[in-house]
Protein backbone atom coordinates (compact mmCIF):
# COMPACT_ATOMS: atom_id res chain seq x y z
CA TYR A 1 -0.26 -0.05 0.11
CA PRO A 2 2.87 2.70 0.80
CA LYS A 3 3.61 1.91 -3.00
CA VAL A 4 0.38 2.49 -3.87
CA GLU A 5 0.17 5.99 -2.04
CA HIS A 6 3.50 7.14 -3.83
CA LEU A 7 2.08 6.24 -7.21
CA TRP A 8 -0.73 8.44 -6.13
CA GLY A 9 1.65 11.22 -5.80
CA TYR A 10 3.02 10.46 -8.71
CA LEU A 11 -0.50 10.84 -10.47
CA LEU A 12 -2.39 13.44 -8.99
CA GLY A 13 1.00 15.53 -9.48
CA GLN A 14 0.62 15.39 -13.34
CA LEU A 15 -2.80 16.56 -13.12
CA ASN A 16 -3.56 20.35 -15.21
CA GLN A 17 -5.70 22.87 -13.66
CA GLU A 18 -9.12 20.59 -14.94
CA GLY A 19 -7.92 18.06 -12.92
CA PHE A 20 -7.19 15.97 -16.23
CA ILE A 21 -4.39 13.94 -16.85
CA ARG A 22 -2.34 13.77 -19.89
CA GLY A 23 -1.75 11.10 -22.36
CA ASP A 24 0.90 10.04 -25.05
CA ALA A 25 -1.29 7.24 -26.89
CA CYS A 26 -4.43 4.59 -25.53
CA TRP A 27 -4.63 1.16 -26.21
CA MET A 28 -5.32 1.83 -30.27
CA TRP A 29 -1.98 2.82 -30.39
CA THR A 30 -1.91 2.75 -34.13
CA PHE A 31 -4.32 6.33 -34.10
CA PRO A 32 -3.11 9.48 -33.02
CA ARG A 33 -4.86 10.37 -29.86
CA GLU A 34 -2.33 11.90 -27.38
CA GLY A 35 -3.25 15.05 -25.53
CA TYR A 36 -6.32 15.69 -23.24
CA GLY A 37 -8.46 13.05 -24.17
CA SER A 38 -11.21 11.85 -22.88
CA ALA A 39 -10.51 8.18 -22.90
CA ILE A 40 -7.81 8.23 -20.51
CA GLN A 41 -9.78 11.14 -18.34
CA CYS A 42 -12.24 7.77 -17.93
CA ILE A 43 -9.32 5.65 -17.03
CA LEU A 44 -8.29 7.95 -14.77
CA TYR A 45 -11.82 8.02 -13.31
CA GLU A 46 -12.04 4.94 -12.70
CA ALA A 47 -8.65 4.17 -11.26
CA MET A 48 -9.87 7.53 -8.58
CA ARG A 49 -12.72 5.17 -7.71
CA LYS A 50 -11.03 1.51 -6.88
CA GLY A 51 -7.74 3.56 -5.19
CA ALA A 52 -10.80 5.12 -3.25
CA LEU A 53 -12.12 1.29 -2.64
CA LEU A 54 -8.77 0.00 -1.46
CA ALA A 55 -8.23 2.97 0.55
CA GLU A 56 -11.12 2.13 2.71
CA VAL A 57 -10.13 -1.55 3.17
CA MET A 58 -6.69 -0.35 4.24
CA GLY A 59 -8.54 2.09 6.57
CA ASP A 60 -7.14 5.24 4.95
CA THR A 61 -10.52 7.64 5.34
CA GLY A 62 -7.95 10.79 4.13
CA ARG A 63 -7.24 9.02 0.90
CA GLN A 64 -10.38 7.98 0.21
CA VAL A 65 -12.41 11.06 0.88
CA ASP A 66 -9.56 13.05 -1.92
CA LEU A 67 -10.01 10.80 -4.27
CA LEU A 68 -13.94 10.08 -4.07
CA THR A 69 -14.05 14.07 -4.25
CA ARG A 70 -11.64 14.40 -7.21
CA ALA A 71 -13.64 11.52 -9.05
CA ALA A 72 -16.59 13.48 -8.23
CA THR A 73 -15.04 16.86 -10.28
CA LEU A 74 -13.37 14.74 -12.99
CA LYS A 75 -16.54 12.88 -13.48
CA LYS A 76 -18.75 16.24 -14.17
CA ARG A 77 -16.01 17.03 -16.52
CA ILE A 78 -15.35 14.79 -18.47
CA ILE A 79 -19.02 15.10 -19.19
CA GLU A 80 -19.06 18.99 -19.88
CA ARG A 81 -15.81 18.71 -22.41
CA PHE A 82 -16.67 15.72 -24.26
CA TRP A 83 -20.04 14.59 -24.38
CA ASP A 84 -22.09 15.50 -27.85
CA GLU A 85 -25.34 15.60 -27.05
CA GLN A 86 -26.83 15.83 -30.82
CA ARG A 87 -25.29 12.48 -31.34
CA GLY A 88 -25.19 11.11 -27.38
CA VAL A 89 -21.83 9.69 -27.36
CA LEU A 90 -18.31 10.89 -26.32
CA THR A 91 -16.05 12.78 -28.61
CA GLU A 92 -12.09 12.44 -28.41
CA VAL A 93 -9.08 14.08 -29.48
CA PHE A 94 -7.71 13.23 -32.45
CA GLY A 95 -4.74 14.05 -34.07
CA LEU A 96 -5.63 14.06 -37.66
CA VAL A 97 -6.95 16.59 -39.82
CA ASP A 98 -8.66 17.76 -43.09
CA THR A 99 -10.89 14.23 -42.38
CA GLU A 100 -13.89 13.90 -40.71
CA GLN A 101 -13.80 12.47 -36.82
CA PRO A 102 -14.36 8.95 -35.55
CA VAL A 103 -16.80 8.00 -32.81
CA PHE A 104 -14.12 5.66 -30.79
CA LEU A 105 -15.60 2.63 -29.29
CA ASP A 106 -13.26 2.37 -26.43
CA VAL A 107 -14.08 5.96 -24.91
CA ASN A 108 -17.82 5.46 -25.07
CA SER A 109 -17.63 1.40 -23.72
CA TYR A 110 -15.35 2.75 -20.50
CA ALA A 111 -17.71 5.53 -20.44
CA VAL A 112 -20.81 3.59 -19.26
CA VAL A 113 -18.89 0.83 -17.34
CA PHE A 114 -17.13 3.17 -15.49
CA GLY A 115 -20.49 5.46 -14.82
CA ILE A 116 -19.92 8.53 -15.75
CA VAL A 117 -22.53 8.57 -18.27
CA GLU A 118 -25.91 6.82 -16.78
CA GLY A 119 -29.97 6.52 -17.18
CA GLU A 120 -30.99 7.99 -20.59
CA ALA A 121 -27.37 9.13 -21.68
CA ALA A 122 -25.95 5.59 -21.46
CA ARG A 123 -28.59 4.08 -23.29
CA ARG A 124 -28.29 7.46 -25.88
CA VAL A 125 -24.88 5.85 -26.33
CA LEU A 126 -25.66 1.97 -26.37
CA THR A 127 -28.06 2.64 -29.16
CA TYR A 128 -25.77 4.46 -31.17
CA LEU A 129 -23.33 2.23 -30.61
CA ARG A 130 -25.19 -0.90 -32.24
CA GLU A 131 -27.14 1.78 -34.98
CA HIS A 132 -23.46 2.71 -36.12
CA MET A 133 -20.68 0.19 -35.38
CA TRP A 134 -22.58 -3.51 -34.97
CA THR A 135 -21.04 -5.56 -37.58
CA GLU A 136 -21.75 -9.55 -38.37
CA TYR A 137 -18.55 -10.24 -35.70
CA GLY A 138 -19.13 -7.84 -33.31
CA SER A 139 -18.61 -3.75 -32.76
CA ALA A 140 -15.85 -2.10 -34.75
CA THR A 141 -13.16 0.40 -33.26
CA THR A 142 -14.85 3.18 -34.97
CA ASP A 143 -18.48 4.36 -36.57
CA ARG A 144 -16.36 5.08 -39.68
CA LEU A 145 -13.24 4.07 -42.14
CA ILE A 146 -10.57 6.79 -42.34
CA THR A 147 -9.95 6.79 -46.15
CA LYS A 148 -7.70 10.42 -46.04
CA GLY A 149 -6.24 12.66 -44.08
CA ARG A 150 -2.57 13.71 -42.68
CA LEU A 151 -1.19 14.23 -39.20
CA ASN A 152 -1.50 17.36 -36.94
CA PRO A 153 1.67 18.87 -37.47
CA ASP A 154 2.23 19.47 -33.53
CA LEU A 155 1.98 15.89 -32.59
CA LYS A 156 5.37 15.02 -30.28
CA THR A 157 4.87 11.34 -28.81
CA TYR A 158 3.02 9.59 -31.43
CA ALA A 159 4.16 6.15 -31.99
CA LEU A 160 4.30 5.86 -36.04
CA LYS A 161 5.12 9.22 -36.97
CA ARG A 162 8.40 8.72 -38.20
CA ILE A 163 7.41 5.93 -40.50
CA ILE A 164 4.50 8.14 -41.80
CA THR A 165 6.18 11.47 -42.24
CA GLN A 166 9.42 9.73 -44.02
CA SER A 167 7.65 7.44 -46.48
CA GLU A 168 7.64 8.38 -50.12
CA ASP A 169 3.64 8.18 -50.09
CA PRO A 170 2.63 9.51 -46.54
CA ALA A 171 -0.73 9.15 -47.38
CA ALA A 172 -0.57 5.54 -48.26
CA ALA A 173 1.96 5.03 -44.99
CA LEU A 174 -1.01 6.58 -42.95
CA ARG A 175 -3.69 4.27 -44.27
CA THR A 176 -1.39 1.54 -43.42
CA ALA A 177 -0.71 2.51 -40.06
CA LEU A 178 -4.30 3.34 -39.09
CA TYR A 179 -5.00 -0.02 -40.23
CA PRO A 180 -5.28 -2.38 -37.31
CA HIS A 181 -7.96 -0.08 -35.41
CA ASN A 182 -9.18 1.28 -38.34
CA GLN A 183 -12.70 0.33 -37.97
CA GLN A 184 -11.56 -3.41 -37.19
CA VAL A 185 -13.26 -5.64 -34.52
CA TRP A 186 -11.24 -6.51 -31.40
CA PRO A 187 -12.57 -8.93 -29.01
CA PHE A 188 -10.90 -6.96 -25.81
CA MET A 189 -12.65 -3.87 -26.91
CA VAL A 190 -16.43 -5.70 -27.50
CA GLY A 191 -15.85 -6.87 -24.40
CA TYR A 192 -16.49 -3.61 -22.83
CA GLU A 193 -19.51 -2.82 -25.17
CA VAL A 194 -20.75 -6.11 -23.32
CA GLU A 195 -20.17 -5.65 -20.04
CA ALA A 196 -21.58 -1.85 -20.61
CA ARG A 197 -24.69 -3.35 -21.77
CA LEU A 198 -24.86 -5.72 -18.33
CA GLN A 199 -24.63 -2.77 -16.35
CA ALA A 200 -27.26 -0.62 -18.06
CA GLY A 201 -29.64 -4.12 -17.90
CA ASP A 202 -29.58 -5.07 -21.37
CA GLU A 203 -28.64 -8.54 -21.02
CA THR A 204 -30.48 -9.08 -24.34
CA GLY A 205 -28.34 -7.04 -26.54
CA ALA A 206 -24.88 -8.24 -24.05
CA ILE A 207 -25.63 -11.48 -25.46
CA GLU A 208 -26.54 -10.95 -29.13
CA LEU A 209 -22.80 -9.17 -29.07
CA ILE A 210 -21.47 -12.09 -27.57
CA ARG A 211 -22.88 -14.10 -30.26
CA LEU A 212 -21.54 -12.46 -32.69
CA CYS A 213 -18.13 -11.72 -31.93
CA TRP A 214 -16.97 -14.89 -30.12
CA GLY A 215 -19.37 -16.90 -31.89
CA ASN A 216 -17.06 -16.22 -35.70
CA PRO A 217 -17.10 -19.87 -37.20
CA ALA A 218 -13.77 -19.01 -38.46
CA TYR A 219 -12.18 -19.10 -34.90
CA LYS A 220 -12.91 -23.14 -35.54
CA GLU A 221 -9.41 -22.92 -37.67
CA THR A 222 -7.36 -22.34 -34.67
CA GLY A 223 -10.03 -23.37 -31.68
CA THR A 224 -8.85 -19.50 -29.45
CA PHE A 225 -9.95 -16.17 -29.62
CA TRP A 226 -7.88 -13.71 -31.82
CA GLU A 227 -6.34 -10.78 -30.91
CA MET A 228 -8.50 -8.78 -33.45
CA PHE A 229 -9.81 -9.89 -37.14
CA ASP A 230 -10.54 -7.97 -40.58
CA ILE A 231 -14.28 -6.55 -40.22
CA HIS A 232 -13.89 -6.87 -43.99
CA THR A 233 -13.53 -11.02 -44.53
CA GLY A 234 -14.51 -11.72 -40.81
CA VAL A 235 -10.65 -13.67 -40.86
CA PHE A 236 -7.33 -13.67 -38.92
CA ALA A 237 -5.51 -10.26 -39.95
CA ASP A 238 -1.88 -11.05 -40.56
CA ARG A 239 -0.44 -7.50 -42.07
CA LYS A 240 2.85 -6.14 -41.20
CA ILE A 241 2.97 -2.71 -40.08
CA SER A 242 6.42 -1.09 -40.14
CA GLU A 243 8.69 -1.98 -43.11
CA PHE A 244 11.47 -1.39 -41.26
CA ASP A 245 11.54 -4.95 -38.99
CA PRO A 246 10.23 -7.86 -41.34
CA LEU A 247 9.46 -9.73 -38.06
CA ASP A 248 6.51 -7.16 -36.89
CA SER A 249 3.12 -8.17 -36.47
CA TYR A 250 0.67 -7.26 -34.55
CA ASN A 251 -2.13 -9.78 -34.33
CA SER A 252 -2.03 -12.43 -32.08
CA ALA A 253 -4.24 -15.97 -32.93
CA CYS A 254 -4.35 -16.81 -29.36
CA HIS A 255 -4.93 -14.14 -27.31
CA GLY A 256 -5.69 -13.39 -23.18
CA TRP A 257 -7.48 -10.14 -23.47
CA SER A 258 -10.24 -11.44 -26.30
CA GLY A 259 -11.21 -14.46 -23.24
CA TRP A 260 -12.19 -12.31 -20.48
CA VAL A 261 -15.62 -12.25 -22.00
CA ALA A 262 -15.69 -15.50 -20.15
CA HIS A 263 -15.20 -13.18 -16.87
CA LEU A 264 -17.99 -11.25 -18.01
CA MET A 265 -20.64 -14.28 -18.57
CA HIS A 266 -19.83 -15.85 -14.45
CA ARG A 267 -20.31 -12.20 -13.52
CA TYR A 268 -23.14 -10.86 -14.87
CA ILE A 269 -24.96 -13.44 -16.52
CA LEU A 270 -24.29 -16.57 -13.63
CA GLY A 271 -24.22 -13.49 -11.85
CA VAL A 272 -21.40 -14.67 -9.34
CA GLN A 273 -20.26 -11.18 -7.35
CA PRO A 274 -18.49 -10.15 -4.78
CA THR A 275 -20.41 -7.88 -2.65
CA LYS A 276 -17.66 -7.99 0.33
CA ALA A 277 -13.25 -7.38 -0.59
CA GLY A 278 -11.95 -11.00 -0.95
CA PHE A 279 -14.88 -12.72 -2.06
CA ARG A 280 -15.27 -12.87 1.93
CA ARG A 281 -19.59 -12.11 0.81
CA VAL A 282 -21.06 -12.92 -2.56
CA ALA A 283 -24.43 -12.26 -3.97
CA VAL A 284 -25.38 -15.02 -6.59
CA SER A 285 -27.97 -13.30 -9.02
CA PRO A 286 -28.29 -15.10 -12.85
CA ARG A 287 -29.17 -12.64 -15.75
CA PRO A 288 -29.73 -15.14 -18.17
CA GLY A 289 -31.50 -12.66 -20.54
């Protein structure tokens, strides 16, 4: 716990005047999303909530109150800064210019799962995801395919900036770089939408989404769950991204993240959840839909 406290001291020292933390990337690392974006703030909010729970278990009332107070303020500011009332989704920073900004699956799933958007707002988010991002293989990472655009010259930490800017054809290099997360299906992030639907009481939609994504018949080829698959073909994508590394590949045919749907099915559909730390007390409330 003292090491956790040391980490909180560091993290809280990185916040700006709004209480936001800067992110150099996100799990969708091929998209330039550096800066004070919404996804990283959602993760910070959840970390604060979980940190408060840990502080409560450890009897650290001061840290518990501090984190809960900060989290409540952060939640309000996330909505004020990023909520798009017209579409009913959260927006995100995006380091491309001369293109339309996509809606991202990750930040909107986080927002519902972590309780940043609730009630009617959560329903609107889930409706948008279903209407604009569901495919026959599950939810896509973005609501549109980015086919044009150029890097914002102010980008400083984008991992693929050098590969794109030094290419003889920067536009083609950008399309190649974006490919893994450019309207593709990643079971890991589909799992967040599954949990979002279960959190919101949409068991039927959650089970339907599970069947779409993890019921992909192409999985029979390996008997495992893949890291991603191409939304246009429904098969394993083994393309490379870096011309400088012949061994580089950004897809795994047996990926641990993709299997966490099993946890969600136990936690929500079977309904086994701890109500006290360390499973000292457990609730069993099946929700089979």
